[in-house]
Amino acid sequence: MDKVISCCGVVCSECNLLPTDCKGCPEIKEKAYWLEYTGEDVCEIYDCCVNDKHLGHCGKCTSLPCKRYSRNDPTKSPEENAEDLRKQLEQLRSM
């Protein structure tokens, strides 16, 4: 499988939800699978990056990381969330 990367730096192709529960942000756009749990209509990171700023990914934004990256996954420990953010930022800076 080719490497699938979302605009926020998540490597979708490394997630066990792809392709069954989630097709990855490049395909599903701002309609992330987890929105059904948050009650939101669109992913705010995707909306800002792609829809508002017309960027290919957040690595091209001068505000990286912005407040949109402060949301944590409640199913993970603070350490796991910090490591996820580190990986996302590393991925974006390498793109």
PDB file of N, CA and C in Angstrom:
ATOM      1  N   MET A   1       0.840  -1.178   0.000  1.00  0.00           N
ATOM      2  CA  MET A   1       0.000   0.000   0.000  1.00  0.00           C
ATOM      3  C   MET A   1       0.887   1.245   0.000  1.00  0.00           C
ATOM      4  N   ASP A   2       0.497   2.230  -0.787  1.00  0.00           N
ATOM      5  CA  ASP A   2       1.215   3.497  -0.811  1.00  0.00           C
ATOM      6  C   ASP A   2       1.010   4.224   0.511  1.00  0.00           C
ATOM      7  N   LYS A   3       1.946   5.086   0.857  1.00  0.00           N
ATOM      8  CA  LYS A   3       1.847   5.879   2.073  1.00  0.00           C
ATOM      9  C   LYS A   3       0.764   6.931   1.886  1.00  0.00           C
ATOM     10  N   VAL A   4      -0.229   6.931   2.773  1.00  0.00           N
ATOM     11  CA  VAL A   4      -1.330   7.887   2.727  1.00  0.00           C
ATOM     12  C   VAL A   4      -1.148   8.826   3.913  1.00  0.00           C
ATOM     13  N   ILE A   5      -1.047  10.133   3.635  1.00  0.00           N
ATOM     14  CA  ILE A   5      -0.796  11.116   4.680  1.00  0.00           C
ATOM     15  C   ILE A   5      -1.885  12.184   4.635  1.00  0.00           C
ATOM     16  N   SER A   6      -2.447  12.490   5.798  1.00  0.00           N
ATOM     17  CA  SER A   6      -3.465  13.533   5.877  1.00  0.00           C
ATOM     18  C   SER A   6      -2.793  14.899   5.922  1.00  0.00           C
ATOM     19  N   CYS A   7      -3.562  15.944   5.724  1.00  0.00           N
ATOM     20  CA  CYS A   7      -3.005  17.293   5.728  1.00  0.00           C
ATOM     21  C   CYS A   7      -2.469  17.683   7.100  1.00  0.00           C
ATOM     22  N   CYS A   8      -2.901  17.014   8.161  1.00  0.00           N
ATOM     23  CA  CYS A   8      -2.442  17.336   9.515  1.00  0.00           C
ATOM     24  C   CYS A   8      -1.188  16.569   9.899  1.00  0.00           C
ATOM     25  N   GLY A   9      -0.716  15.696   9.023  1.00  0.00           N
ATOM     26  CA  GLY A   9       0.508  14.959   9.290  1.00  0.00           C
ATOM     27  C   GLY A   9       0.311  13.549   9.806  1.00  0.00           C
ATOM     28  N   VAL A  10      -0.929  13.130  10.001  1.00  0.00           N
ATOM     29  CA  VAL A  10      -1.186  11.750  10.397  1.00  0.00           C
ATOM     30  C   VAL A  10      -0.908  10.858   9.187  1.00  0.00           C
ATOM     31  N   VAL A  11      -0.158   9.800   9.413  1.00  0.00           N
ATOM     32  CA  VAL A  11       0.102   8.842   8.340  1.00  0.00           C
ATOM     33  C   VAL A  11      -1.032   7.822   8.387  1.00  0.00           C
ATOM     34  N   CYS A  12      -2.035   8.053   7.568  1.00  0.00           N
ATOM     35  CA  CYS A  12      -3.248   7.234   7.559  1.00  0.00           C
ATOM     36  C   CYS A  12      -2.935   5.764   7.287  1.00  0.00           C
ATOM     37  N   SER A  13      -1.966   5.535   6.423  1.00  0.00           N
ATOM     38  CA  SER A  13      -1.655   4.162   6.034  1.00  0.00           C
ATOM     39  C   SER A  13      -1.026   3.361   7.174  1.00  0.00           C
ATOM     40  N   GLU A  14      -0.661   3.999   8.276  1.00  0.00           N
ATOM     41  CA  GLU A  14      -0.142   3.296   9.445  1.00  0.00           C
ATOM     42  C   GLU A  14      -1.233   3.024  10.478  1.00  0.00           C
ATOM     43  N   CYS A  15      -2.446   3.446  10.201  1.00  0.00           N
ATOM     44  CA  CYS A  15      -3.570   3.301  11.131  1.00  0.00           C
ATOM     45  C   CYS A  15      -4.318   2.002  10.845  1.00  0.00           C
ATOM     46  N   ASN A  16      -4.701   1.310  11.902  1.00  0.00           N
ATOM     47  CA  ASN A  16      -5.419   0.051  11.723  1.00  0.00           C
ATOM     48  C   ASN A  16      -6.868   0.246  11.280  1.00  0.00           C
ATOM     49  N   LEU A  17      -7.341   1.491  11.229  1.00  0.00           N
ATOM     50  CA  LEU A  17      -8.706   1.758  10.767  1.00  0.00           C
ATOM     51  C   LEU A  17      -8.804   1.860   9.242  1.00  0.00           C
ATOM     52  N   LEU A  18      -7.662   2.027   8.595  1.00  0.00           N
ATOM     53  CA  LEU A  18      -7.637   2.131   7.134  1.00  0.00           C
ATOM     54  C   LEU A  18      -7.548   0.738   6.529  1.00  0.00           C
ATOM     55  N   PRO A  19      -8.303   0.370   5.586  1.00  0.00           N
ATOM     56  CA  PRO A  19      -9.320   1.109   4.860  1.00  0.00           C
ATOM     57  C   PRO A  19     -10.745   0.758   5.282  1.00  0.00           C
ATOM     58  N   THR A  20     -10.902  -0.041   6.320  1.00  0.00           N
ATOM     59  CA  THR A  20     -12.232  -0.523   6.690  1.00  0.00           C
ATOM     60  C   THR A  20     -13.130   0.554   7.299  1.00  0.00           C
ATOM     61  N   ASP A  21     -12.684   1.134   8.421  1.00  0.00           N
ATOM     62  CA  ASP A  21     -13.501   2.130   9.118  1.00  0.00           C
ATOM     63  C   ASP A  21     -13.263   3.549   8.628  1.00  0.00           C
ATOM     64  N   CYS A  22     -12.134   3.764   8.001  1.00  0.00           N
ATOM     65  CA  CYS A  22     -11.770   5.091   7.515  1.00  0.00           C
ATOM     66  C   CYS A  22     -10.987   4.907   6.216  1.00  0.00           C
ATOM     67  N   LYS A  23     -11.242   5.755   5.260  1.00  0.00           N
ATOM     68  CA  LYS A  23     -10.548   5.680   3.965  1.00  0.00           C
ATOM     69  C   LYS A  23      -9.335   6.603   3.914  1.00  0.00           C
ATOM     70  N   GLY A  24      -9.113   7.399   4.968  1.00  0.00           N
ATOM     71  CA  GLY A  24      -8.006   8.346   4.992  1.00  0.00           C
ATOM     72  C   GLY A  24      -8.437   9.707   4.486  1.00  0.00           C
ATOM     73  N   CYS A  25      -7.938  10.748   5.104  1.00  0.00           N
ATOM     74  CA  CYS A  25      -8.363  12.112   4.778  1.00  0.00           C
ATOM     75  C   CYS A  25      -8.182  12.516   3.322  1.00  0.00           C
ATOM     76  N   PRO A  26      -7.116  12.093   2.644  1.00  0.00           N
ATOM     77  CA  PRO A  26      -7.027  12.484   1.238  1.00  0.00           C
ATOM     78  C   PRO A  26      -8.245  12.038   0.423  1.00  0.00           C
ATOM     79  N   GLU A  27      -8.877  10.955   0.830  1.00  0.00           N
ATOM     80  CA  GLU A  27     -10.057  10.472   0.095  1.00  0.00           C
ATOM     81  C   GLU A  27     -11.365  11.005   0.662  1.00  0.00           C
ATOM     82  N   ILE A  28     -11.492  11.053   1.990  1.00  0.00           N
ATOM     83  CA  ILE A  28     -12.767  11.449   2.592  1.00  0.00           C
ATOM     84  C   ILE A  28     -12.869  12.939   2.858  1.00  0.00           C
ATOM     85  N   LYS A  29     -11.803  13.670   2.580  1.00  0.00           N
ATOM     86  CA  LYS A  29     -11.749  15.128   2.737  1.00  0.00           C
ATOM     87  C   LYS A  29     -11.999  15.495   4.193  1.00  0.00           C
ATOM     88  N   GLU A  30     -12.829  16.479   4.438  1.00  0.00           N
ATOM     89  CA  GLU A  30     -13.013  16.958   5.810  1.00  0.00           C
ATOM     90  C   GLU A  30     -13.965  16.108   6.646  1.00  0.00           C
ATOM     91  N   LYS A  31     -14.436  15.012   6.119  1.00  0.00           N
ATOM     92  CA  LYS A  31     -15.432  14.182   6.809  1.00  0.00           C
ATOM     93  C   LYS A  31     -14.784  12.998   7.528  1.00  0.00           C
ATOM     94  N   ALA A  32     -13.903  13.267   8.475  1.00  0.00           N
ATOM     95  CA  ALA A  32     -13.213  12.217   9.225  1.00  0.00           C
ATOM     96  C   ALA A  32     -14.208  11.328   9.959  1.00  0.00           C
ATOM     97  N   TYR A  33     -13.885  10.062  10.061  1.00  0.00           N
ATOM     98  CA  TYR A  33     -14.787   9.089  10.692  1.00  0.00           C
ATOM     99  C   TYR A  33     -15.139   9.467  12.127  1.00  0.00           C
ATOM    100  N   TRP A  34     -14.227  10.107  12.846  1.00  0.00           N
ATOM    101  CA  TRP A  34     -14.439  10.400  14.266  1.00  0.00           C
ATOM    102  C   TRP A  34     -15.378  11.569  14.510  1.00  0.00           C
ATOM    103  N   LEU A  35     -15.804  12.276  13.466  1.00  0.00           N
ATOM    104  CA  LEU A  35     -16.728  13.395  13.635  1.00  0.00           C
ATOM    105  C   LEU A  35     -18.063  12.944  14.221  1.00  0.00           C
ATOM    106  N   GLU A  36     -18.444  11.703  13.948  1.00  0.00           N
ATOM    107  CA  GLU A  36     -19.708  11.204  14.508  1.00  0.00           C
ATOM    108  C   GLU A  36     -19.657  11.157  16.033  1.00  0.00           C
ATOM    109  N   TYR A  37     -18.456  11.105  16.605  1.00  0.00           N
ATOM    110  CA  TYR A  37     -18.301  11.065  18.054  1.00  0.00           C
ATOM    111  C   TYR A  37     -18.194  12.456  18.674  1.00  0.00           C
ATOM    112  N   THR A  38     -17.784  13.448  17.868  1.00  0.00           N
ATOM    113  CA  THR A  38     -17.603  14.800  18.405  1.00  0.00           C
ATOM    114  C   THR A  38     -18.788  15.708  18.108  1.00  0.00           C
ATOM    115  N   GLY A  39     -19.633  15.311  17.162  1.00  0.00           N
ATOM    116  CA  GLY A  39     -20.787  16.133  16.800  1.00  0.00           C
ATOM    117  C   GLY A  39     -20.439  17.265  15.834  1.00  0.00           C
ATOM    118  N   GLU A  40     -19.218  17.293  15.340  1.00  0.00           N
ATOM    119  CA  GLU A  40     -18.808  18.331  14.400  1.00  0.00           C
ATOM    120  C   GLU A  40     -19.155  17.906  12.969  1.00  0.00           C
ATOM    121  N   ASP A  41     -19.228  18.894  12.084  1.00  0.00           N
ATOM    122  CA  ASP A  41     -19.540  18.612  10.680  1.00  0.00           C
ATOM    123  C   ASP A  41     -18.297  18.348   9.849  1.00  0.00           C
ATOM    124  N   VAL A  42     -17.204  19.035  10.172  1.00  0.00           N
ATOM    125  CA  VAL A  42     -15.954  18.890   9.429  1.00  0.00           C
ATOM    126  C   VAL A  42     -14.775  18.908  10.397  1.00  0.00           C
ATOM    127  N   CYS A  43     -13.668  18.331   9.975  1.00  0.00           N
ATOM    128  CA  CYS A  43     -12.432  18.393  10.750  1.00  0.00           C
ATOM    129  C   CYS A  43     -11.907  19.823  10.656  1.00  0.00           C
ATOM    130  N   GLU A  44     -11.712  20.475  11.801  1.00  0.00           N
ATOM    131  CA  GLU A  44     -11.304  21.881  11.781  1.00  0.00           C
ATOM    132  C   GLU A  44      -9.898  22.077  11.208  1.00  0.00           C
ATOM    133  N   ILE A  45      -9.024  21.092  11.354  1.00  0.00           N
ATOM    134  CA  ILE A  45      -7.684  21.227  10.772  1.00  0.00           C
ATOM    135  C   ILE A  45      -7.783  21.169   9.249  1.00  0.00           C
ATOM    136  N   TYR A  46      -8.506  20.188   8.729  1.00  0.00           N
ATOM    137  CA  TYR A  46      -8.680  20.066   7.278  1.00  0.00           C
ATOM    138  C   TYR A  46      -9.357  21.318   6.724  1.00  0.00           C
ATOM    139  N   ASP A  47     -10.395  21.783   7.400  1.00  0.00           N
ATOM    140  CA  ASP A  47     -11.145  22.943   6.945  1.00  0.00           C
ATOM    141  C   ASP A  47     -10.243  24.164   6.825  1.00  0.00           C
ATOM    142  N   CYS A  48      -9.428  24.398   7.839  1.00  0.00           N
ATOM    143  CA  CYS A  48      -8.514  25.540   7.826  1.00  0.00           C
ATOM    144  C   CYS A  48      -7.446  25.374   6.753  1.00  0.00           C
ATOM    145  N   CYS A  49      -6.786  24.245   6.754  1.00  0.00           N
ATOM    146  CA  CYS A  49      -5.650  24.011   5.852  1.00  0.00           C
ATOM    147  C   CYS A  49      -6.062  23.976   4.386  1.00  0.00           C
ATOM    148  N   VAL A  50      -6.985  23.105   4.059  1.00  0.00           N
ATOM    149  CA  VAL A  50      -7.338  22.854   2.659  1.00  0.00           C
ATOM    150  C   VAL A  50      -8.403  23.813   2.141  1.00  0.00           C
ATOM    151  N   ASN A  51      -9.496  23.952   2.893  1.00  0.00           N
ATOM    152  CA  ASN A  51     -10.609  24.769   2.408  1.00  0.00           C
ATOM    153  C   ASN A  51     -10.341  26.269   2.524  1.00  0.00           C
ATOM    154  N   ASP A  52      -9.796  26.714   3.679  1.00  0.00           N
ATOM    155  CA  ASP A  52      -9.596  28.146   3.884  1.00  0.00           C
ATOM    156  C   ASP A  52      -8.280  28.656   3.295  1.00  0.00           C
ATOM    157  N   LYS A  53      -7.177  27.970   3.602  1.00  0.00           N
ATOM    158  CA  LYS A  53      -5.861  28.456   3.185  1.00  0.00           C
ATOM    159  C   LYS A  53      -5.370  27.855   1.871  1.00  0.00           C
ATOM    160  N   HIS A  54      -6.084  26.847   1.371  1.00  0.00           N
ATOM    161  CA  HIS A  54      -5.745  26.189   0.094  1.00  0.00           C
ATOM    162  C   HIS A  54      -4.307  25.653   0.075  1.00  0.00           C
ATOM    163  N   LEU A  55      -3.923  25.026   1.194  1.00  0.00           N
ATOM    164  CA  LEU A  55      -2.603  24.414   1.313  1.00  0.00           C
ATOM    165  C   LEU A  55      -2.730  22.907   1.137  1.00  0.00           C
ATOM    166  N   GLY A  56      -1.682  22.286   0.680  1.00  0.00           N
ATOM    167  CA  GLY A  56      -1.684  20.831   0.541  1.00  0.00           C
ATOM    168  C   GLY A  56      -1.576  20.119   1.871  1.00  0.00           C
ATOM    169  N   HIS A  57      -0.919  20.767   2.820  1.00  0.00           N
ATOM    170  CA  HIS A  57      -0.775  20.209   4.163  1.00  0.00           C
ATOM    171  C   HIS A  57      -0.329  21.317   5.107  1.00  0.00           C
ATOM    172  N   CYS A  58      -0.476  21.073   6.399  1.00  0.00           N
ATOM    173  CA  CYS A  58      -0.183  22.091   7.412  1.00  0.00           C
ATOM    174  C   CYS A  58       1.295  22.426   7.518  1.00  0.00           C
ATOM    175  N   GLY A  59       2.158  21.603   6.969  1.00  0.00           N
ATOM    176  CA  GLY A  59       3.583  21.893   6.968  1.00  0.00           C
ATOM    177  C   GLY A  59       3.923  23.155   6.192  1.00  0.00           C
ATOM    178  N   LYS A  60       3.018  23.610   5.349  1.00  0.00           N
ATOM    179  CA  LYS A  60       3.226  24.825   4.571  1.00  0.00           C
ATOM    180  C   LYS A  60       2.679  26.068   5.278  1.00  0.00           C
ATOM    181  N   CYS A  61       2.117  25.883   6.455  1.00  0.00           N
ATOM    182  CA  CYS A  61       1.501  26.988   7.208  1.00  0.00           C
ATOM    183  C   CYS A  61       2.515  27.583   8.182  1.00  0.00           C
ATOM    184  N   THR A  62       2.572  28.901   8.233  1.00  0.00           N
ATOM    185  CA  THR A  62       3.499  29.582   9.135  1.00  0.00           C
ATOM    186  C   THR A  62       3.048  29.514  10.589  1.00  0.00           C
ATOM    187  N   SER A  63       1.826  29.085  10.851  1.00  0.00           N
ATOM    188  CA  SER A  63       1.301  29.003  12.216  1.00  0.00           C
ATOM    189  C   SER A  63       1.421  27.609  12.830  1.00  0.00           C
ATOM    190  N   LEU A  64       2.126  26.705  12.184  1.00  0.00           N
ATOM    191  CA  LEU A  64       2.253  25.322  12.676  1.00  0.00           C
ATOM    192  C   LEU A  64       3.159  25.272  13.902  1.00  0.00           C
ATOM    193  N   PRO A  65       2.750  24.597  14.959  1.00  0.00           N
ATOM    194  CA  PRO A  65       1.425  24.042  15.210  1.00  0.00           C
ATOM    195  C   PRO A  65       0.509  25.109  15.798  1.00  0.00           C
ATOM    196  N   CYS A  66      -0.702  25.136  15.368  1.00  0.00           N
ATOM    197  CA  CYS A  66      -1.669  26.117  15.861  1.00  0.00           C
ATOM    198  C   CYS A  66      -2.541  25.481  16.943  1.00  0.00           C
ATOM    199  N   LYS A  67      -3.477  26.261  17.442  1.00  0.00           N
ATOM    200  CA  LYS A  67      -4.362  25.787  18.519  1.00  0.00           C
ATOM    201  C   LYS A  67      -5.182  24.571  18.107  1.00  0.00           C
ATOM    202  N   ARG A  68      -5.367  24.362  16.830  1.00  0.00           N
ATOM    203  CA  ARG A  68      -6.148  23.215  16.368  1.00  0.00           C
ATOM    204  C   ARG A  68      -5.470  21.894  16.715  1.00  0.00           C
ATOM    205  N   TYR A  69      -4.184  21.944  16.990  1.00  0.00           N
ATOM    206  CA  TYR A  69      -3.426  20.738  17.336  1.00  0.00           C
ATOM    207  C   TYR A  69      -3.460  20.439  18.834  1.00  0.00           C
ATOM    208  N   SER A  70      -4.201  21.201  19.598  1.00  0.00           N
ATOM    209  CA  SER A  70      -4.225  21.002  21.049  1.00  0.00           C
ATOM    210  C   SER A  70      -5.223  19.938  21.499  1.00  0.00           C
ATOM    211  N   ARG A  71      -6.052  19.471  20.608  1.00  0.00           N
ATOM    212  CA  ARG A  71      -7.048  18.451  20.962  1.00  0.00           C
ATOM    213  C   ARG A  71      -6.356  17.110  21.157  1.00  0.00           C
ATOM    214  N   ASN A  72      -6.713  16.423  22.246  1.00  0.00           N
ATOM    215  CA  ASN A  72      -6.132  15.117  22.538  1.00  0.00           C
ATOM    216  C   ASN A  72      -7.155  14.008  22.359  1.00  0.00           C
ATOM    217  N   ASP A  73      -6.671  12.850  22.036  1.00  0.00           N
ATOM    218  CA  ASP A  73      -7.500  11.653  21.935  1.00  0.00           C
ATOM    219  C   ASP A  73      -7.754  11.159  23.358  1.00  0.00           C
ATOM    220  N   PRO A  74      -9.007  11.155  23.804  1.00  0.00           N
ATOM    221  CA  PRO A  74      -9.299  10.759  25.183  1.00  0.00           C
ATOM    222  C   PRO A  74      -9.032   9.284  25.476  1.00  0.00           C
ATOM    223  N   THR A  75      -8.826   8.486  24.436  1.00  0.00           N
ATOM    224  CA  THR A  75      -8.546   7.068  24.658  1.00  0.00           C
ATOM    225  C   THR A  75      -7.056   6.809  24.857  1.00  0.00           C
ATOM    226  N   LYS A  76      -6.244   7.874  24.769  1.00  0.00           N
ATOM    227  CA  LYS A  76      -4.796   7.727  24.893  1.00  0.00           C
ATOM    228  C   LYS A  76      -4.280   8.493  26.104  1.00  0.00           C
ATOM    229  N   SER A  77      -3.120   8.079  26.577  1.00  0.00           N
ATOM    230  CA  SER A  77      -2.482   8.752  27.710  1.00  0.00           C
ATOM    231  C   SER A  77      -1.889  10.083  27.245  1.00  0.00           C
ATOM    232  N   PRO A  78      -1.578  10.977  28.178  1.00  0.00           N
ATOM    233  CA  PRO A  78      -0.919  12.222  27.790  1.00  0.00           C
ATOM    234  C   PRO A  78       0.395  11.964  27.036  1.00  0.00           C
ATOM    235  N   GLU A  79       1.115  10.938  27.440  1.00  0.00           N
ATOM    236  CA  GLU A  79       2.363  10.598  26.769  1.00  0.00           C
ATOM    237  C   GLU A  79       2.119  10.134  25.339  1.00  0.00           C
ATOM    238  N   GLU A  80       1.090   9.322  25.139  1.00  0.00           N
ATOM    239  CA  GLU A  80       0.754   8.852  23.783  1.00  0.00           C
ATOM    240  C   GLU A  80       0.319  10.012  22.900  1.00  0.00           C
ATOM    241  N   ASN A  81      -0.482  10.921  23.445  1.00  0.00           N
ATOM    242  CA  ASN A  81      -0.911  12.088  22.675  1.00  0.00           C
ATOM    243  C   ASN A  81       0.275  12.970  22.312  1.00  0.00           C
ATOM    244  N   ALA A  82       1.208  13.158  23.245  1.00  0.00           N
ATOM    245  CA  ALA A  82       2.397  13.967  22.971  1.00  0.00           C
ATOM    246  C   ALA A  82       3.246  13.320  21.874  1.00  0.00           C
ATOM    247  N   GLU A  83       3.368  12.004  21.924  1.00  0.00           N
ATOM    248  CA  GLU A  83       4.144  11.295  20.899  1.00  0.00           C
ATOM    249  C   GLU A  83       3.461  11.389  19.536  1.00  0.00           C
ATOM    250  N   ASP A  84       2.138  11.276  19.504  1.00  0.00           N
ATOM    251  CA  ASP A  84       1.400  11.431  18.248  1.00  0.00           C
ATOM    252  C   ASP A  84       1.645  12.810  17.642  1.00  0.00           C
ATOM    253  N   LEU A  85       1.569  13.849  18.472  1.00  0.00           N
ATOM    254  CA  LEU A  85       1.796  15.209  17.982  1.00  0.00           C
ATOM    255  C   LEU A  85       3.224  15.355  17.467  1.00  0.00           C
ATOM    256  N   ARG A  86       4.188  14.812  18.188  1.00  0.00           N
ATOM    257  CA  ARG A  86       5.584  14.874  17.747  1.00  0.00           C
ATOM    258  C   ARG A  86       5.738  14.244  16.368  1.00  0.00           C
ATOM    259  N   LYS A  87       5.119  13.078  16.174  1.00  0.00           N
ATOM    260  CA  LYS A  87       5.199  12.380  14.884  1.00  0.00           C
ATOM    261  C   LYS A  87       4.538  13.187  13.769  1.00  0.00           C
ATOM    262  N   GLN A  88       3.382  13.781  14.058  1.00  0.00           N
ATOM    263  CA  GLN A  88       2.686  14.583  13.060  1.00  0.00           C
ATOM    264  C   GLN A  88       3.555  15.766  12.623  1.00  0.00           C
ATOM    265  N   LEU A  89       4.120  16.471  13.593  1.00  0.00           N
ATOM    266  CA  LEU A  89       4.931  17.650  13.270  1.00  0.00           C
ATOM    267  C   LEU A  89       6.186  17.244  12.513  1.00  0.00           C
ATOM    268  N   GLU A  90       6.789  16.147  12.906  1.00  0.00           N
ATOM    269  CA  GLU A  90       7.971  15.641  12.206  1.00  0.00           C
ATOM    270  C   GLU A  90       7.630  15.317  10.750  1.00  0.00           C
ATOM    271  N   GLN A  91       6.498  14.647  10.557  1.00  0.00           N
ATOM    272  CA  GLN A  91       6.057  14.293   9.199  1.00  0.00           C
ATOM    273  C   GLN A  91       5.819  15.558   8.371  1.00  0.00           C
ATOM    274  N   LEU A  92       5.120  16.531   8.934  1.00  0.00           N
ATOM    275  CA  LEU A  92       4.814  17.746   8.196  1.00  0.00           C
ATOM    276  C   LEU A  92       6.061  18.533   7.849  1.00  0.00           C
ATOM    277  N   ARG A  93       7.010  18.583   8.748  1.00  0.00           N
ATOM    278  CA  ARG A  93       8.242  19.353   8.485  1.00  0.00           C
ATOM    279  C   ARG A  93       9.112  18.678   7.440  1.00  0.00           C
ATOM    280  N   SER A  94       8.899  17.373   7.239  1.00  0.00           N
ATOM    281  CA  SER A  94       9.692  16.650   6.243  1.00  0.00           C
ATOM    282  C   SER A  94       9.070  16.718   4.842  1.00  0.00           C
ATOM    283  N   MET A  95       7.879  17.233   4.747  1.00  0.00           N
ATOM    284  CA  MET A  95       7.160  17.244   3.467  1.00  0.00           C
ATOM    285  C   MET A  95       7.464  18.517   2.653  1.00  0.00           C
TER     286      MET A  95
END
